[in-house]
């Protein structure tokens, strides 16, 4: 799929977006230092950042964790967050290392059936000089979901089924969608957020 980049200025995808995306917070800044000490190339650093967001921040819908984490720092500190929060973690880590990163969304069935309704799912796109823009999904793996860092072929969490009304949006946004942040802020628990997520862009 051809991605639609919101801004042609790469520096726009390096910006902090307080309080959601910040690099100088204690745990995000420490994790960036850890990544930089382990990897020297942008590709290897991006892959490590992806694996941290995917594997070190559990998906709250999988674990039953009730507190809604929103900012990158909060999600990394609590080691918990839904897809949106995990995408915030990955964006903060990447941008903090000078790697442009944006926000992408898909419209998926909430519980696998049309009757259950739809909800947005959040993931990321990032830019590497030798690769260009490509998408990754730090949602977190489990039985039936295997998301990987792949610069040549997307290996995302969810196969999109247009025949069921699902939508793979090609936009790469500079900032998280305001409707997504509003839903997260207004939800008292992850259980309520499950149903409060926006259904479309």
N, C-alpha and C. Protein backbone atom coordinates (compact mmCIF):
# COMPACT_ATOMS: atom_id res chain seq x y z
N UNK A 1 0.84 -1.20 0.00
CA UNK A 1 0.00 0.00 0.00
C UNK A 1 0.88 1.25 0.00
N UNK A 2 0.51 2.20 -0.82
CA UNK A 2 1.24 3.47 -0.86
C UNK A 2 0.79 4.34 0.30
N UNK A 3 1.74 4.74 1.13
CA UNK A 3 1.42 5.56 2.29
C UNK A 3 1.24 7.01 1.90
N UNK A 4 0.32 7.68 2.57
CA UNK A 4 0.08 9.11 2.36
C UNK A 4 0.70 9.88 3.52
N UNK A 5 1.79 10.56 3.28
CA UNK A 5 2.53 11.25 4.32
C UNK A 5 1.92 12.63 4.55
N UNK A 6 1.53 12.92 5.79
CA UNK A 6 0.87 14.19 6.10
C UNK A 6 1.76 15.38 5.77
N UNK A 7 3.05 15.27 6.06
CA UNK A 7 3.98 16.37 5.82
C UNK A 7 5.19 15.86 5.05
N UNK A 8 5.63 16.63 4.08
CA UNK A 8 6.84 16.27 3.33
C UNK A 8 8.11 16.68 4.06
N UNK A 9 7.95 17.36 5.19
CA UNK A 9 9.09 17.82 5.99
C UNK A 9 9.40 16.77 7.05
N UNK A 10 10.50 16.05 6.90
CA UNK A 10 10.82 14.97 7.82
C UNK A 10 10.93 15.45 9.26
N UNK A 11 11.42 16.67 9.43
CA UNK A 11 11.60 17.19 10.79
C UNK A 11 10.28 17.25 11.57
N UNK A 12 9.16 17.35 10.85
CA UNK A 12 7.86 17.35 11.53
C UNK A 12 7.62 16.05 12.27
N UNK A 13 8.24 14.98 11.80
CA UNK A 13 8.07 13.66 12.41
C UNK A 13 9.13 13.38 13.47
N UNK A 14 9.84 14.44 13.88
CA UNK A 14 10.81 14.34 14.97
C UNK A 14 10.39 15.17 16.18
N UNK A 15 9.24 15.82 16.08
CA UNK A 15 8.81 16.75 17.12
C UNK A 15 8.33 16.04 18.37
N UNK A 16 8.58 16.68 19.51
CA UNK A 16 7.93 16.26 20.74
C UNK A 16 6.49 16.78 20.72
N UNK A 17 5.59 16.03 21.33
CA UNK A 17 4.19 16.44 21.43
C UNK A 17 3.78 16.30 22.90
N UNK A 18 4.21 17.23 23.75
CA UNK A 18 3.91 17.12 25.18
C UNK A 18 2.40 17.14 25.43
N UNK A 19 1.92 16.40 26.41
CA UNK A 19 2.70 15.48 27.26
C UNK A 19 2.73 14.05 26.73
N UNK A 20 2.23 13.82 25.50
CA UNK A 20 2.09 12.45 25.00
C UNK A 20 3.42 11.88 24.54
N UNK A 21 4.14 12.66 23.74
CA UNK A 21 5.42 12.21 23.17
C UNK A 21 6.52 13.14 23.65
N UNK A 22 7.32 12.65 24.60
CA UNK A 22 8.45 13.43 25.12
C UNK A 22 9.67 12.52 25.23
N UNK A 23 10.86 13.12 25.02
CA UNK A 23 12.08 12.32 25.03
C UNK A 23 12.86 12.46 26.33
N UNK A 24 12.62 13.55 27.07
CA UNK A 24 13.46 13.85 28.22
C UNK A 24 12.88 13.32 29.53
N UNK A 25 11.82 12.54 29.46
CA UNK A 25 11.26 11.94 30.67
C UNK A 25 12.18 10.80 31.13
N UNK A 26 12.16 10.46 32.41
CA UNK A 26 13.18 9.54 32.95
C UNK A 26 13.30 8.20 32.23
N UNK A 27 12.20 7.50 32.06
CA UNK A 27 12.29 6.14 31.51
C UNK A 27 12.49 6.13 30.00
N UNK A 28 11.85 7.06 29.30
CA UNK A 28 12.07 7.13 27.85
C UNK A 28 13.52 7.50 27.55
N UNK A 29 14.04 8.51 28.23
CA UNK A 29 15.42 8.93 27.97
C UNK A 29 16.42 7.82 28.32
N UNK A 30 16.17 7.09 29.41
CA UNK A 30 17.07 5.99 29.78
C UNK A 30 17.00 4.87 28.76
N UNK A 31 15.80 4.58 28.29
CA UNK A 31 15.66 3.51 27.30
C UNK A 31 16.36 3.88 25.99
N UNK A 32 16.30 5.16 25.63
CA UNK A 32 17.01 5.62 24.43
C UNK A 32 18.51 5.42 24.59
N UNK A 33 19.04 5.76 25.76
CA UNK A 33 20.47 5.54 26.02
C UNK A 33 20.82 4.06 25.94
N UNK A 34 19.94 3.21 26.46
CA UNK A 34 20.18 1.76 26.40
C UNK A 34 20.24 1.28 24.95
N UNK A 35 19.29 1.74 24.15
CA UNK A 35 19.27 1.33 22.74
C UNK A 35 20.53 1.80 22.03
N UNK A 36 20.91 3.04 22.26
CA UNK A 36 22.09 3.60 21.58
C UNK A 36 23.37 2.90 22.00
N UNK A 37 23.40 2.36 23.20
CA UNK A 37 24.59 1.63 23.65
C UNK A 37 24.66 0.23 23.05
N UNK A 38 23.53 -0.28 22.61
CA UNK A 38 23.47 -1.64 22.07
C UNK A 38 23.54 -1.69 20.55
N UNK A 39 23.16 -0.61 19.89
CA UNK A 39 23.11 -0.60 18.42
C UNK A 39 23.65 0.72 17.89
N UNK A 40 24.34 0.65 16.75
CA UNK A 40 24.95 1.86 16.19
C UNK A 40 24.22 2.37 14.96
N UNK A 41 23.60 1.49 14.19
CA UNK A 41 22.92 1.94 12.97
C UNK A 41 21.48 2.32 13.27
N UNK A 42 20.93 3.20 12.43
CA UNK A 42 19.53 3.60 12.60
C UNK A 42 18.60 2.40 12.45
N UNK A 43 18.93 1.50 11.53
CA UNK A 43 18.09 0.32 11.32
C UNK A 43 18.05 -0.55 12.57
N UNK A 44 19.21 -0.83 13.14
CA UNK A 44 19.25 -1.68 14.34
C UNK A 44 18.61 -0.99 15.53
N UNK A 45 18.80 0.31 15.64
CA UNK A 45 18.17 1.04 16.74
C UNK A 45 16.65 1.05 16.59
N UNK A 46 16.17 1.22 15.37
CA UNK A 46 14.73 1.22 15.14
C UNK A 46 14.14 -0.15 15.48
N UNK A 47 14.82 -1.20 15.10
CA UNK A 47 14.34 -2.56 15.39
C UNK A 47 14.29 -2.81 16.90
N UNK A 48 15.31 -2.37 17.61
CA UNK A 48 15.32 -2.52 19.07
C UNK A 48 14.18 -1.73 19.71
N UNK A 49 13.97 -0.51 19.24
CA UNK A 49 12.88 0.31 19.78
C UNK A 49 11.54 -0.36 19.54
N UNK A 50 11.35 -0.92 18.36
CA UNK A 50 10.12 -1.64 18.05
C UNK A 50 9.92 -2.81 19.00
N UNK A 51 10.97 -3.58 19.22
CA UNK A 51 10.85 -4.76 20.08
C UNK A 51 10.57 -4.36 21.53
N UNK A 52 11.11 -3.24 21.96
CA UNK A 52 10.81 -2.74 23.31
C UNK A 52 9.34 -2.37 23.43
N UNK A 53 8.83 -1.60 22.47
CA UNK A 53 7.43 -1.20 22.52
C UNK A 53 6.50 -2.40 22.38
N UNK A 54 6.88 -3.35 21.56
CA UNK A 54 6.05 -4.54 21.36
C UNK A 54 6.07 -5.48 22.56
N UNK A 55 7.28 -5.72 23.12
CA UNK A 55 7.45 -6.80 24.09
C UNK A 55 7.54 -6.35 25.54
N UNK A 56 7.99 -5.12 25.78
CA UNK A 56 8.17 -4.67 27.16
C UNK A 56 6.99 -3.87 27.69
N UNK A 57 6.05 -3.55 26.82
CA UNK A 57 4.80 -2.90 27.22
C UNK A 57 3.68 -3.86 26.86
N UNK A 58 3.10 -4.49 27.86
CA UNK A 58 2.04 -5.47 27.61
C UNK A 58 0.79 -4.78 27.10
N UNK A 59 0.03 -5.49 26.27
CA UNK A 59 -1.23 -4.93 25.77
C UNK A 59 -2.30 -5.13 26.84
N UNK A 60 -2.88 -4.03 27.29
CA UNK A 60 -3.79 -4.06 28.43
C UNK A 60 -5.05 -4.88 28.16
N UNK A 61 -5.47 -4.97 26.91
CA UNK A 61 -6.63 -5.81 26.60
C UNK A 61 -6.29 -7.29 26.76
N UNK A 62 -5.02 -7.64 26.62
CA UNK A 62 -4.59 -9.03 26.80
C UNK A 62 -4.44 -9.37 28.28
N UNK A 63 -3.93 -8.43 29.06
CA UNK A 63 -3.61 -8.71 30.46
C UNK A 63 -4.76 -8.43 31.42
N UNK A 64 -5.74 -7.64 30.97
CA UNK A 64 -6.82 -7.24 31.87
C UNK A 64 -6.48 -6.06 32.75
N UNK A 65 -5.35 -5.41 32.47
CA UNK A 65 -4.95 -4.22 33.23
C UNK A 65 -5.98 -3.12 33.01
N UNK A 66 -6.42 -2.50 34.09
CA UNK A 66 -7.56 -1.59 33.99
C UNK A 66 -7.18 -0.12 33.82
N UNK A 67 -6.01 0.29 34.30
CA UNK A 67 -5.65 1.70 34.20
C UNK A 67 -5.31 2.06 32.76
N UNK A 68 -5.82 3.19 32.30
CA UNK A 68 -5.54 3.65 30.94
C UNK A 68 -4.24 4.47 30.96
N UNK A 69 -3.22 3.96 30.31
CA UNK A 69 -1.98 4.73 30.14
C UNK A 69 -2.05 5.44 28.79
N UNK A 70 -1.57 6.68 28.76
CA UNK A 70 -1.70 7.47 27.54
C UNK A 70 -0.34 7.91 27.00
N UNK A 71 0.44 8.58 27.83
CA UNK A 71 1.72 9.10 27.35
C UNK A 71 2.73 7.97 27.20
N UNK A 72 3.75 8.23 26.39
CA UNK A 72 4.82 7.25 26.20
C UNK A 72 5.50 6.93 27.52
N UNK A 73 5.78 7.95 28.31
CA UNK A 73 6.46 7.74 29.59
C UNK A 73 5.62 6.89 30.53
N UNK A 74 4.33 7.18 30.60
CA UNK A 74 3.45 6.44 31.50
C UNK A 74 3.35 4.97 31.09
N UNK A 75 3.18 4.72 29.79
CA UNK A 75 3.04 3.35 29.32
C UNK A 75 4.33 2.56 29.54
N UNK A 76 5.48 3.18 29.28
CA UNK A 76 6.75 2.49 29.48
C UNK A 76 7.00 2.24 30.96
N UNK A 77 6.65 3.20 31.80
CA UNK A 77 6.84 3.05 33.25
C UNK A 77 5.98 1.94 33.82
N UNK A 78 4.72 1.89 33.40
CA UNK A 78 3.78 0.88 33.90
C UNK A 78 3.93 -0.46 33.17
N UNK A 79 4.64 -0.45 32.05
CA UNK A 79 4.77 -1.65 31.21
C UNK A 79 3.40 -2.14 30.75
N UNK A 80 2.49 -1.20 30.54
CA UNK A 80 1.12 -1.53 30.13
C UNK A 80 0.58 -0.44 29.21
N UNK A 81 -0.27 -0.85 28.28
CA UNK A 81 -0.93 0.12 27.42
C UNK A 81 -1.64 -0.59 26.28
N UNK A 82 -2.69 0.02 25.74
CA UNK A 82 -3.31 -0.55 24.56
C UNK A 82 -2.51 -0.12 23.33
N UNK A 83 -2.98 -0.47 22.16
CA UNK A 83 -2.22 -0.22 20.94
C UNK A 83 -1.81 1.24 20.78
N UNK A 84 -2.71 2.17 21.13
CA UNK A 84 -2.39 3.59 20.97
C UNK A 84 -1.21 3.98 21.84
N UNK A 85 -1.24 3.57 23.11
CA UNK A 85 -0.16 3.90 24.03
C UNK A 85 1.16 3.28 23.59
N UNK A 86 1.10 2.05 23.09
CA UNK A 86 2.31 1.38 22.62
C UNK A 86 2.89 2.10 21.40
N UNK A 87 2.01 2.64 20.55
CA UNK A 87 2.51 3.42 19.41
C UNK A 87 3.13 4.73 19.87
N UNK A 88 2.64 5.27 20.99
CA UNK A 88 3.24 6.48 21.55
C UNK A 88 4.65 6.18 22.06
N UNK A 89 4.81 5.02 22.70
CA UNK A 89 6.13 4.62 23.19
C UNK A 89 7.11 4.50 22.03
N UNK A 90 6.71 3.81 20.99
CA UNK A 90 7.62 3.61 19.86
C UNK A 90 7.97 4.94 19.20
N UNK A 91 6.99 5.81 19.02
CA UNK A 91 7.27 7.11 18.40
C UNK A 91 8.23 7.92 19.24
N UNK A 92 8.06 7.91 20.56
CA UNK A 92 8.94 8.67 21.43
C UNK A 92 10.37 8.14 21.36
N UNK A 93 10.53 6.83 21.39
CA UNK A 93 11.87 6.25 21.31
C UNK A 93 12.54 6.58 19.98
N UNK A 94 11.80 6.43 18.90
CA UNK A 94 12.38 6.70 17.58
C UNK A 94 12.71 8.17 17.40
N UNK A 95 11.77 9.03 17.71
CA UNK A 95 12.01 10.46 17.53
C UNK A 95 13.15 10.94 18.42
N UNK A 96 13.23 10.36 19.61
CA UNK A 96 14.30 10.74 20.52
C UNK A 96 15.68 10.36 20.01
N UNK A 97 15.73 9.43 19.05
CA UNK A 97 17.00 9.03 18.44
C UNK A 97 17.18 9.64 17.06
N UNK A 98 16.31 10.59 16.70
CA UNK A 98 16.43 11.25 15.42
C UNK A 98 15.89 10.46 14.24
N UNK A 99 15.03 9.48 14.52
CA UNK A 99 14.41 8.67 13.47
C UNK A 99 12.97 9.13 13.29
N UNK A 100 12.62 9.67 12.12
CA UNK A 100 11.25 10.15 11.92
C UNK A 100 10.22 9.04 12.11
N UNK A 101 9.16 9.35 12.84
CA UNK A 101 8.11 8.36 13.10
C UNK A 101 6.76 9.05 13.14
N UNK A 102 5.76 8.37 12.62
CA UNK A 102 4.40 8.91 12.60
C UNK A 102 3.40 7.89 13.10
N UNK A 103 2.14 8.28 13.02
CA UNK A 103 1.05 7.48 13.58
C UNK A 103 0.09 7.05 12.48
N UNK A 104 -0.27 5.77 12.50
CA UNK A 104 -1.16 5.20 11.50
C UNK A 104 -2.32 4.49 12.20
N UNK A 105 -3.38 4.26 11.43
CA UNK A 105 -4.58 3.66 12.02
C UNK A 105 -5.24 2.70 11.05
N UNK A 106 -5.91 1.72 11.63
CA UNK A 106 -6.74 0.79 10.89
C UNK A 106 -8.10 0.70 11.57
N UNK A 107 -9.12 0.45 10.78
CA UNK A 107 -10.46 0.20 11.31
C UNK A 107 -10.68 -1.31 11.30
N UNK A 108 -10.83 -1.88 12.50
CA UNK A 108 -10.96 -3.33 12.62
C UNK A 108 -12.23 -3.68 13.38
N UNK A 109 -12.68 -4.91 13.20
CA UNK A 109 -13.82 -5.39 13.97
C UNK A 109 -13.43 -5.47 15.45
N UNK A 110 -14.33 -5.01 16.30
CA UNK A 110 -14.02 -4.95 17.72
C UNK A 110 -13.84 -6.35 18.32
N UNK A 111 -14.72 -7.27 17.97
CA UNK A 111 -14.62 -8.63 18.51
C UNK A 111 -14.66 -9.69 17.41
N UNK A 112 -14.32 -9.30 16.21
CA UNK A 112 -14.25 -10.27 15.14
C UNK A 112 -15.52 -10.49 14.35
N UNK A 113 -16.60 -9.85 14.77
CA UNK A 113 -17.87 -9.97 14.05
C UNK A 113 -18.41 -8.59 13.73
N UNK A 114 -19.19 -8.50 12.65
CA UNK A 114 -19.78 -7.22 12.27
C UNK A 114 -20.71 -6.73 13.37
N UNK A 115 -21.39 -7.65 14.03
CA UNK A 115 -22.33 -7.28 15.10
C UNK A 115 -21.63 -6.61 16.27
N UNK A 116 -20.35 -6.92 16.48
CA UNK A 116 -19.62 -6.34 17.62
C UNK A 116 -19.20 -4.91 17.36
N UNK A 117 -19.28 -4.46 16.11
CA UNK A 117 -18.90 -3.09 15.78
C UNK A 117 -17.43 -2.97 15.44
N UNK A 118 -17.01 -1.72 15.25
CA UNK A 118 -15.66 -1.43 14.78
C UNK A 118 -14.93 -0.50 15.76
N UNK A 119 -13.62 -0.53 15.67
CA UNK A 119 -12.79 0.38 16.47
C UNK A 119 -11.49 0.64 15.73
N UNK A 120 -10.90 1.79 16.00
CA UNK A 120 -9.59 2.08 15.43
C UNK A 120 -8.51 1.28 16.15
N UNK A 121 -7.52 0.90 15.40
CA UNK A 121 -6.31 0.26 15.93
C UNK A 121 -5.13 1.13 15.53
N UNK A 122 -4.21 1.35 16.46
CA UNK A 122 -3.09 2.25 16.21
C UNK A 122 -1.78 1.51 15.98
N UNK A 123 -0.99 2.02 15.05
CA UNK A 123 0.33 1.49 14.76
C UNK A 123 1.22 2.64 14.30
N UNK A 124 2.41 2.33 13.80
CA UNK A 124 3.37 3.38 13.44
C UNK A 124 3.92 3.21 12.03
N UNK A 125 4.41 4.32 11.50
CA UNK A 125 5.28 4.29 10.32
C UNK A 125 6.56 5.02 10.70
N UNK A 126 7.66 4.59 10.12
CA UNK A 126 8.93 5.26 10.39
C UNK A 126 9.71 5.39 9.09
N UNK A 127 10.67 6.31 9.13
CA UNK A 127 11.45 6.61 7.93
C UNK A 127 12.92 6.32 8.19
N UNK A 128 13.51 5.50 7.33
CA UNK A 128 14.94 5.26 7.33
C UNK A 128 15.49 5.65 5.96
N UNK A 129 16.63 6.29 5.95
CA UNK A 129 17.17 6.88 4.72
C UNK A 129 17.32 5.87 3.60
N UNK A 130 17.78 4.66 3.92
CA UNK A 130 18.01 3.65 2.89
C UNK A 130 16.77 2.84 2.54
N UNK A 131 15.68 3.11 3.26
CA UNK A 131 14.47 2.30 3.08
C UNK A 131 13.29 3.15 2.64
N UNK A 132 13.17 4.34 3.20
CA UNK A 132 11.97 5.15 3.01
C UNK A 132 10.99 4.90 4.14
N UNK A 133 9.74 5.24 3.89
CA UNK A 133 8.69 5.03 4.90
C UNK A 133 8.19 3.59 4.86
N UNK A 134 7.98 3.01 6.04
CA UNK A 134 7.36 1.69 6.14
C UNK A 134 6.66 1.59 7.50
N UNK A 135 5.71 0.67 7.58
CA UNK A 135 4.90 0.55 8.79
C UNK A 135 5.32 -0.65 9.64
N UNK A 136 5.18 -0.48 10.94
CA UNK A 136 5.36 -1.56 11.90
C UNK A 136 4.25 -1.46 12.94
N UNK A 137 3.97 -2.57 13.58
CA UNK A 137 2.86 -2.61 14.54
C UNK A 137 3.35 -3.17 15.88
N UNK A 138 3.54 -2.31 16.89
CA UNK A 138 4.03 -2.77 18.19
C UNK A 138 2.95 -3.32 19.11
N UNK A 139 1.81 -3.72 18.56
CA UNK A 139 0.66 -4.16 19.35
C UNK A 139 1.01 -5.20 20.41
N UNK A 140 1.89 -6.13 20.06
CA UNK A 140 2.22 -7.22 20.97
C UNK A 140 1.68 -8.53 20.44
N UNK A 141 2.51 -9.56 20.45
CA UNK A 141 2.12 -10.84 19.87
C UNK A 141 1.43 -11.75 20.87
N UNK A 142 0.61 -12.63 20.34
CA UNK A 142 -0.06 -13.67 21.10
C UNK A 142 -0.52 -14.71 20.09
N UNK A 143 -1.23 -15.71 20.54
CA UNK A 143 -1.72 -16.73 19.62
C UNK A 143 -2.57 -16.07 18.53
N UNK A 144 -2.19 -16.27 17.28
CA UNK A 144 -2.92 -15.70 16.16
C UNK A 144 -2.43 -14.34 15.71
N UNK A 145 -1.50 -13.74 16.45
CA UNK A 145 -0.94 -12.43 16.08
C UNK A 145 0.57 -12.52 16.12
N UNK A 146 1.20 -12.19 15.01
CA UNK A 146 2.66 -12.24 14.92
C UNK A 146 3.14 -11.03 14.13
N UNK A 147 3.41 -9.95 14.83
CA UNK A 147 3.85 -8.71 14.21
C UNK A 147 5.37 -8.60 14.30
N UNK A 148 6.00 -8.31 13.17
CA UNK A 148 7.45 -8.28 13.11
C UNK A 148 7.95 -7.00 12.46
N UNK A 149 9.22 -6.68 12.73
CA UNK A 149 9.90 -5.54 12.11
C UNK A 149 10.43 -6.00 10.77
N UNK A 150 9.85 -5.51 9.68
CA UNK A 150 10.24 -5.95 8.35
C UNK A 150 10.24 -4.75 7.41
N UNK A 151 11.39 -4.41 6.87
CA UNK A 151 11.49 -3.24 6.00
C UNK A 151 11.04 -3.52 4.57
N UNK A 152 10.87 -4.78 4.21
CA UNK A 152 10.54 -5.14 2.83
C UNK A 152 9.08 -5.56 2.66
N UNK A 153 8.53 -6.24 3.64
CA UNK A 153 7.15 -6.72 3.56
C UNK A 153 6.49 -6.53 4.91
N UNK A 154 5.35 -5.85 4.92
CA UNK A 154 4.67 -5.60 6.19
C UNK A 154 4.27 -6.90 6.88
N UNK A 155 4.57 -6.97 8.17
CA UNK A 155 4.11 -8.07 9.01
C UNK A 155 3.40 -7.45 10.21
N UNK A 156 2.16 -7.05 9.99
CA UNK A 156 1.39 -6.32 10.99
C UNK A 156 0.51 -7.27 11.79
N UNK A 157 -0.12 -6.73 12.82
CA UNK A 157 -0.90 -7.57 13.73
C UNK A 157 -2.17 -8.11 13.09
N UNK A 158 -2.84 -7.27 12.31
CA UNK A 158 -4.16 -7.65 11.80
C UNK A 158 -4.22 -7.63 10.28
N UNK A 159 -4.62 -8.73 9.66
CA UNK A 159 -4.92 -8.69 8.22
C UNK A 159 -6.25 -7.99 8.02
N UNK A 160 -6.27 -6.95 7.22
CA UNK A 160 -7.48 -6.16 7.04
C UNK A 160 -8.40 -6.83 6.01
N UNK A 161 -9.70 -6.92 6.38
CA UNK A 161 -10.69 -7.59 5.54
C UNK A 161 -11.73 -6.58 5.07
N UNK A 162 -11.49 -5.96 3.92
CA UNK A 162 -12.43 -4.95 3.41
C UNK A 162 -13.84 -5.47 3.25
N UNK A 163 -13.98 -6.75 2.93
CA UNK A 163 -15.30 -7.33 2.73
C UNK A 163 -16.13 -7.33 4.01
N UNK A 164 -15.47 -7.16 5.16
CA UNK A 164 -16.17 -7.08 6.45
C UNK A 164 -16.24 -5.65 6.97
N UNK A 165 -15.87 -4.70 6.13
CA UNK A 165 -15.95 -3.30 6.53
C UNK A 165 -14.71 -2.76 7.19
N UNK A 166 -13.65 -3.56 7.27
CA UNK A 166 -12.41 -3.07 7.85
C UNK A 166 -11.67 -2.19 6.84
N UNK A 167 -10.88 -1.25 7.38
CA UNK A 167 -10.20 -0.27 6.53
C UNK A 167 -8.75 -0.13 6.95
N UNK A 168 -7.86 -0.17 5.98
CA UNK A 168 -6.44 0.08 6.22
C UNK A 168 -6.15 1.50 5.74
N UNK A 169 -6.09 2.44 6.66
CA UNK A 169 -5.89 3.84 6.28
C UNK A 169 -4.42 4.07 5.92
N UNK A 170 -4.14 4.73 4.80
CA UNK A 170 -2.75 4.93 4.37
C UNK A 170 -2.06 6.14 4.98
N UNK A 171 -2.80 6.96 5.72
CA UNK A 171 -2.23 8.21 6.24
C UNK A 171 -1.16 7.95 7.30
N UNK A 172 -0.12 8.77 7.26
CA UNK A 172 0.91 8.79 8.31
C UNK A 172 0.84 10.16 8.95
N UNK A 173 0.31 10.22 10.16
CA UNK A 173 0.06 11.49 10.84
C UNK A 173 1.27 11.91 11.68
N UNK A 174 1.44 13.21 11.80
CA UNK A 174 2.51 13.76 12.64
C UNK A 174 2.21 13.52 14.11
N UNK A 175 0.95 13.65 14.49
CA UNK A 175 0.52 13.54 15.89
C UNK A 175 -0.59 12.50 16.01
N UNK A 176 -0.77 11.95 17.20
CA UNK A 176 -1.90 11.05 17.42
C UNK A 176 -3.22 11.77 17.13
N UNK A 177 -4.21 11.03 16.68
CA UNK A 177 -5.51 11.63 16.39
C UNK A 177 -6.12 12.23 17.65
N UNK A 178 -6.63 13.45 17.58
CA UNK A 178 -7.28 14.06 18.75
C UNK A 178 -8.44 13.21 19.28
N UNK A 179 -9.19 12.56 18.39
CA UNK A 179 -10.30 11.73 18.85
C UNK A 179 -9.82 10.52 19.64
N UNK A 180 -8.65 10.02 19.29
CA UNK A 180 -8.08 8.90 20.03
C UNK A 180 -7.67 9.35 21.42
N UNK A 181 -6.96 10.46 21.51
CA UNK A 181 -6.53 10.98 22.81
C UNK A 181 -7.74 11.32 23.68
N UNK A 182 -8.76 11.90 23.08
CA UNK A 182 -9.97 12.24 23.84
C UNK A 182 -10.63 10.99 24.40
N UNK A 183 -10.70 9.94 23.60
CA UNK A 183 -11.30 8.69 24.07
C UNK A 183 -10.49 8.10 25.22
N UNK A 184 -9.19 8.17 25.13
CA UNK A 184 -8.34 7.64 26.20
C UNK A 184 -8.50 8.45 27.48
N UNK A 185 -8.54 9.76 27.34
CA UNK A 185 -8.64 10.63 28.51
C UNK A 185 -10.00 10.53 29.20
N UNK A 186 -11.04 10.24 28.43
CA UNK A 186 -12.39 10.21 28.99
C UNK A 186 -12.80 8.84 29.50
N UNK A 187 -11.96 7.84 29.30
CA UNK A 187 -12.30 6.48 29.72
C UNK A 187 -11.74 6.20 31.11
N UNK A 188 -12.60 5.72 32.00
CA UNK A 188 -12.19 5.46 33.37
C UNK A 188 -11.38 4.18 33.51
N UNK A 189 -11.48 3.30 32.54
CA UNK A 189 -10.77 2.03 32.60
C UNK A 189 -10.54 1.53 31.18
N UNK A 190 -9.67 0.53 31.06
CA UNK A 190 -9.44 -0.06 29.75
C UNK A 190 -10.68 -0.77 29.25
N UNK A 191 -11.47 -1.29 30.18
CA UNK A 191 -12.71 -1.95 29.77
C UNK A 191 -13.65 -0.96 29.09
N UNK A 192 -13.78 0.23 29.66
CA UNK A 192 -14.63 1.24 29.02
C UNK A 192 -13.98 1.77 27.75
N UNK A 193 -12.65 1.86 27.72
CA UNK A 193 -11.97 2.33 26.53
C UNK A 193 -12.16 1.36 25.37
N UNK A 194 -12.30 0.09 25.67
CA UNK A 194 -12.52 -0.91 24.62
C UNK A 194 -13.71 -0.52 23.76
N UNK A 195 -14.74 0.03 24.39
CA UNK A 195 -15.95 0.41 23.67
C UNK A 195 -15.96 1.88 23.27
N UNK A 196 -15.09 2.68 23.87
CA UNK A 196 -15.07 4.12 23.59
C UNK A 196 -14.15 4.51 22.44
N UNK A 197 -13.39 3.58 21.93
CA UNK A 197 -12.45 3.91 20.86
C UNK A 197 -13.20 4.41 19.62
N UNK A 198 -12.65 5.40 18.93
CA UNK A 198 -13.30 5.87 17.69
C UNK A 198 -13.44 4.72 16.70
N UNK A 199 -14.48 4.80 15.89
CA UNK A 199 -14.71 3.74 14.91
C UNK A 199 -14.03 4.01 13.58
N UNK A 200 -13.67 5.26 13.32
CA UNK A 200 -13.06 5.61 12.03
C UNK A 200 -12.30 6.91 12.18
N UNK A 201 -11.51 7.25 11.17
CA UNK A 201 -10.77 8.51 11.19
C UNK A 201 -11.74 9.68 11.24
